[in-house]
Protein backbone atom coordinates (compact mmCIF):
# COMPACT_ATOMS: atom_id res chain seq x y z
CA UNK A 1 0.05 0.01 0.00
CA UNK A 2 2.80 2.41 0.90
CA UNK A 3 4.50 1.91 -2.56
CA UNK A 4 1.41 3.56 -4.14
CA UNK A 5 2.22 6.76 -2.66
CA UNK A 6 5.17 7.86 -4.80
CA UNK A 7 6.39 7.27 -8.45
CA UNK A 8 8.71 4.26 -9.22
CA UNK A 9 12.31 4.80 -7.81
CA UNK A 10 11.37 6.14 -4.37
CA UNK A 11 12.16 3.76 -1.55
CA UNK A 12 10.16 3.85 1.76
CA UNK A 13 11.10 2.42 5.19
CA UNK A 14 9.01 1.83 8.22
CA UNK A 15 9.95 1.98 11.81
CA UNK A 16 8.79 2.26 15.34
CA UNK A 17 9.60 5.71 17.01
CA UNK A 18 9.47 4.07 20.48
CA UNK A 19 12.42 1.92 19.65
CA UNK A 20 14.98 4.45 18.24
CA UNK A 21 18.43 3.81 19.51
CA UNK A 22 21.53 6.26 19.26
CA UNK A 23 22.79 6.23 15.65
CA UNK A 24 26.51 6.36 16.19
CA UNK A 25 26.78 9.60 14.25
CA UNK A 26 27.98 12.21 16.70
CA UNK A 27 26.63 15.10 14.57
CA UNK A 28 23.22 13.61 14.70
CA UNK A 29 23.12 12.68 18.32
CA UNK A 30 24.43 16.20 19.35
CA UNK A 31 21.34 17.58 17.81
CA UNK A 32 18.98 15.93 20.28
CA UNK A 33 21.42 15.79 23.14
CA UNK A 34 19.23 17.93 25.39
CA UNK A 35 15.94 16.50 24.19
CA UNK A 36 13.47 14.43 26.13
CA UNK A 37 13.92 10.63 25.71
CA UNK A 38 10.93 10.22 23.47
CA UNK A 39 11.88 13.01 21.14
CA UNK A 40 15.54 11.46 20.95
CA UNK A 41 13.95 8.02 20.13
CA UNK A 42 11.81 9.56 17.46
CA UNK A 43 14.66 11.37 15.93
CA UNK A 44 17.05 8.15 15.99
CA UNK A 45 14.27 5.99 14.55
CA UNK A 46 13.56 8.51 11.70
CA UNK A 47 17.30 8.53 10.70
CA UNK A 48 17.54 4.80 10.90
CA UNK A 49 14.45 4.61 8.51
CA UNK A 50 16.12 7.00 6.06
CA UNK A 51 19.33 5.07 6.05
CA UNK A 52 17.57 1.80 5.30
CA UNK A 53 15.80 3.61 2.35
CA UNK A 54 19.12 5.06 1.27
CA UNK A 55 20.72 1.48 1.22
CA UNK A 56 17.77 0.22 -0.64
CA UNK A 57 18.54 2.80 -3.33
CA UNK A 58 22.22 1.38 -3.62
CA UNK A 59 23.90 4.00 -1.75
CA UNK A 60 26.23 3.73 1.43
CA UNK A 61 24.45 4.78 4.65
CA UNK A 62 25.71 8.15 5.94
CA UNK A 63 25.10 10.78 8.29
CA UNK A 64 21.73 12.80 7.77
CA UNK A 65 22.54 16.16 9.26
CA UNK A 66 20.14 18.86 10.30
CA UNK A 67 19.65 22.36 8.88
CA UNK A 68 19.13 25.36 10.97
CA UNK A 69 15.41 25.24 10.29
CA UNK A 70 15.58 21.60 11.61
CA UNK A 71 14.92 19.87 8.04
CA UNK A 72 17.18 16.95 7.11
CA UNK A 73 20.51 17.39 5.19
CA UNK A 74 20.23 14.68 2.43
CA UNK A 75 23.36 13.34 0.76
CA UNK A 76 24.07 14.89 -2.69
CA UNK A 77 21.94 13.83 -5.48
CA UNK A 78 19.14 12.44 -2.86
CA UNK A 79 16.06 13.89 -1.73
CA UNK A 80 13.99 12.62 1.26
CA UNK A 81 11.34 13.24 3.88
CA UNK A 82 10.67 11.76 7.32
CA UNK A 83 7.36 11.80 9.20
CA UNK A 84 6.33 10.07 12.54
CA UNK A 85 3.56 9.72 14.96
CA UNK A 86 4.03 8.39 18.47
CA UNK A 87 3.71 4.98 17.27
CA UNK A 88 4.76 4.93 13.53
CA UNK A 89 7.83 6.38 11.56
CA UNK A 90 8.20 6.57 7.81
CA UNK A 91 11.04 7.81 5.68
CA UNK A 92 11.11 8.07 1.88
CA UNK A 93 14.20 8.76 -0.22
CA UNK A 94 14.96 8.91 -3.94
CA UNK A 95 17.40 10.03 -6.37
CA UNK A 96 16.64 13.60 -7.53
CA UNK A 97 15.62 13.91 -11.02
CA UNK A 98 13.22 15.65 -13.35
CA UNK A 99 10.18 13.35 -12.17
CA UNK A 100 11.10 13.75 -8.60
CA UNK A 101 12.75 17.24 -7.64
CA UNK A 102 11.36 16.91 -4.01
CA UNK A 103 9.11 14.74 -1.85
CA UNK A 104 6.92 15.22 1.03
CA UNK A 105 5.34 12.77 3.48
CA UNK A 106 3.02 13.26 6.45
CA UNK A 107 1.40 10.62 8.78
CA UNK A 108 -1.30 11.33 11.45
CA UNK A 109 -3.27 8.96 13.54
CA UNK A 110 -6.71 8.19 11.81
CA UNK A 111 -8.89 9.98 14.16
CA UNK A 112 -11.49 12.80 13.80
CA UNK A 113 -9.86 16.27 13.68
CA UNK A 114 -11.64 18.54 16.54
CA UNK A 115 -14.03 21.07 14.94
CA UNK A 116 -12.31 23.91 16.71
CA UNK A 117 -9.25 23.44 14.52
CA UNK A 118 -11.01 23.45 11.11
CA UNK A 119 -11.15 27.31 10.69
CA UNK A 120 -7.45 27.50 11.36
CA UNK A 121 -6.51 24.72 8.79
CA UNK A 122 -9.27 25.21 6.10
CA UNK A 123 -10.03 27.90 3.51
CA UNK A 124 -13.45 29.10 3.11
CA UNK A 125 -14.13 26.66 0.16
CA UNK A 126 -12.73 23.76 2.16
CA UNK A 127 -14.93 24.68 5.17
CA UNK A 128 -18.03 24.84 2.85
CA UNK A 129 -17.13 21.40 1.53
CA UNK A 130 -16.86 19.94 4.89
CA UNK A 131 -19.99 21.53 6.24
CA UNK A 132 -21.87 19.88 3.19
CA UNK A 133 -20.91 16.43 4.19
CA UNK A 134 -22.80 13.89 5.91
CA UNK A 135 -22.85 13.98 9.70
CA UNK A 136 -19.86 11.97 11.00
CA UNK A 137 -17.72 12.32 7.86
CA UNK A 138 -16.71 15.91 8.25
CA UNK A 139 -14.15 15.54 11.03
CA UNK A 140 -12.28 12.57 9.23
CA UNK A 141 -12.17 14.58 6.12
CA UNK A 142 -10.73 17.54 7.83
CA UNK A 143 -7.95 15.41 9.10
CA UNK A 144 -7.29 14.35 5.36
CA UNK A 145 -7.08 18.00 4.45
CA UNK A 146 -4.81 18.55 7.37
CA UNK A 147 -2.24 15.86 6.35
CA UNK A 148 -2.59 16.55 2.58
CA UNK A 149 -1.32 20.24 3.34
CA UNK A 150 1.34 19.08 5.65
CA UNK A 151 2.87 16.69 2.86
CA UNK A 152 2.48 19.48 0.21
CA UNK A 153 4.34 21.88 2.32
CA UNK A 154 7.14 19.49 3.00
CA UNK A 155 7.43 18.77 -0.53
CA UNK A 156 7.74 22.41 -1.64
CA UNK A 157 9.94 23.85 1.06
CA UNK A 158 13.42 22.21 0.02
CA UNK A 159 12.86 23.91 -3.40
CA UNK A 160 11.51 27.33 -2.22
CA UNK A 161 12.54 27.76 1.40
CA UNK A 162 9.07 29.44 1.99
CA UNK A 163 7.06 28.98 5.08
CA UNK A 164 3.33 28.43 4.40
CA UNK A 165 0.25 29.09 6.22
CA UNK A 166 -2.58 26.73 5.96
CA UNK A 167 -4.61 29.24 3.97
CA UNK A 168 -1.88 29.18 1.29
CA UNK A 169 -2.80 25.75 0.03
CA UNK A 170 -6.32 24.52 -0.98
CA UNK A 171 -7.05 20.83 -1.17
CA UNK A 172 -9.35 18.95 -3.48
CA UNK A 173 -9.83 15.23 -3.59
CA UNK A 174 -10.37 12.63 -6.34
CA UNK A 175 -10.49 9.20 -4.68
CA UNK A 176 -7.17 8.53 -2.91
CA UNK A 177 -5.47 11.22 -4.92
CA UNK A 178 -5.60 14.91 -3.99
CA UNK A 179 -4.60 18.19 -5.31
CA UNK A 180 -2.92 20.94 -3.34
CA UNK A 181 -3.41 24.22 -5.07
CA UNK A 182 -1.24 27.27 -4.12
CA UNK A 183 -3.06 30.19 -3.19
CA UNK A 184 -0.24 32.62 -3.68
CA UNK A 185 3.05 32.68 -5.91
CA UNK A 186 6.24 31.52 -4.37
CA UNK A 187 9.79 31.22 -6.01
CA UNK A 188 9.40 28.40 -8.65
CA UNK A 189 5.62 28.24 -8.30
CA UNK A 190 2.91 30.24 -9.80
CA UNK A 191 -0.24 30.99 -7.92
CA UNK A 192 -2.74 28.27 -8.96
CA UNK A 193 -0.14 25.51 -9.28
CA UNK A 194 -1.48 22.13 -8.41
CA UNK A 195 0.62 19.64 -6.55
CA UNK A 196 -0.65 16.20 -6.88
CA UNK A 197 -0.50 13.74 -3.93
CA UNK A 198 -2.02 10.61 -2.69
CA UNK A 199 -3.42 9.24 0.56
CA UNK A 200 -3.58 5.80 1.98
CA UNK A 201 -4.72 4.28 5.30
CA UNK A 202 -1.79 2.28 6.96
CA UNK A 203 -1.57 0.84 10.36
CA UNK A 204 -4.15 2.95 11.83
CA UNK A 205 -2.74 6.20 10.19
CA UNK A 206 -3.63 8.65 7.30
CA UNK A 207 -0.52 8.84 5.19
CA UNK A 208 -0.16 11.63 2.63
CA UNK A 209 2.57 11.98 0.07
CA UNK A 210 3.41 14.61 -2.66
CA UNK A 211 6.20 14.34 -5.39
CA UNK A 212 7.12 17.64 -7.04
CA UNK A 213 8.26 17.32 -10.75
CA UNK A 214 10.19 19.74 -13.16
CA UNK A 215 6.71 20.40 -14.95
CA UNK A 216 5.36 21.86 -11.77
CA UNK A 217 8.51 23.74 -10.54
CA UNK A 218 10.01 26.31 -12.96
CA UNK A 219 12.80 28.48 -11.71
CA UNK A 220 11.88 31.92 -12.33
CA UNK A 221 8.23 31.51 -11.98
CA UNK A 222 6.30 32.92 -9.04
CA UNK A 223 8.90 35.57 -8.10
């Protein structure tokens, strides 16, 4: 099921964030030296998942550093994304090429999203759509919107270095597929650009993934 999230060539690894052990890479371990034990375990598990995916691509496992903004530093020529809940950790890694310039992954426990969060997360069009759904469906669809936006944000950020508000993306669904439409222009993306993603239910979680290609990201656009 997870292999349906991304195009061919993207490797995915699964882990348990409760079982993460020190990685043996001092630069990585220093980043979470003062963190609480649960945060350290989650961080270590994510790095180990990422190295497993890197090895599956045929590369030697290596240190995965941390940018000042806390995003991972991937080895040259590779792109990747890591996400975890308290009980599940996923990492996806691929060679960077025209049909995979950047990828984003988000996982959230499959439970209703409290209505008090909807206005923060949703555009007016998304909120109208939720309000028109049968009773009992809206809260779970709101979660789908949330995790779709998170994965789209993570996919665009390595290319643009732009921080998004929830209102900067608008989500529409087509079965398991979704489209995240940019509501403003950012470097490389014009307003109205649609990033295509996919969602699956895996091990009690909603998992969303987005892959940005060279047709969507055009240097010089959106500036």
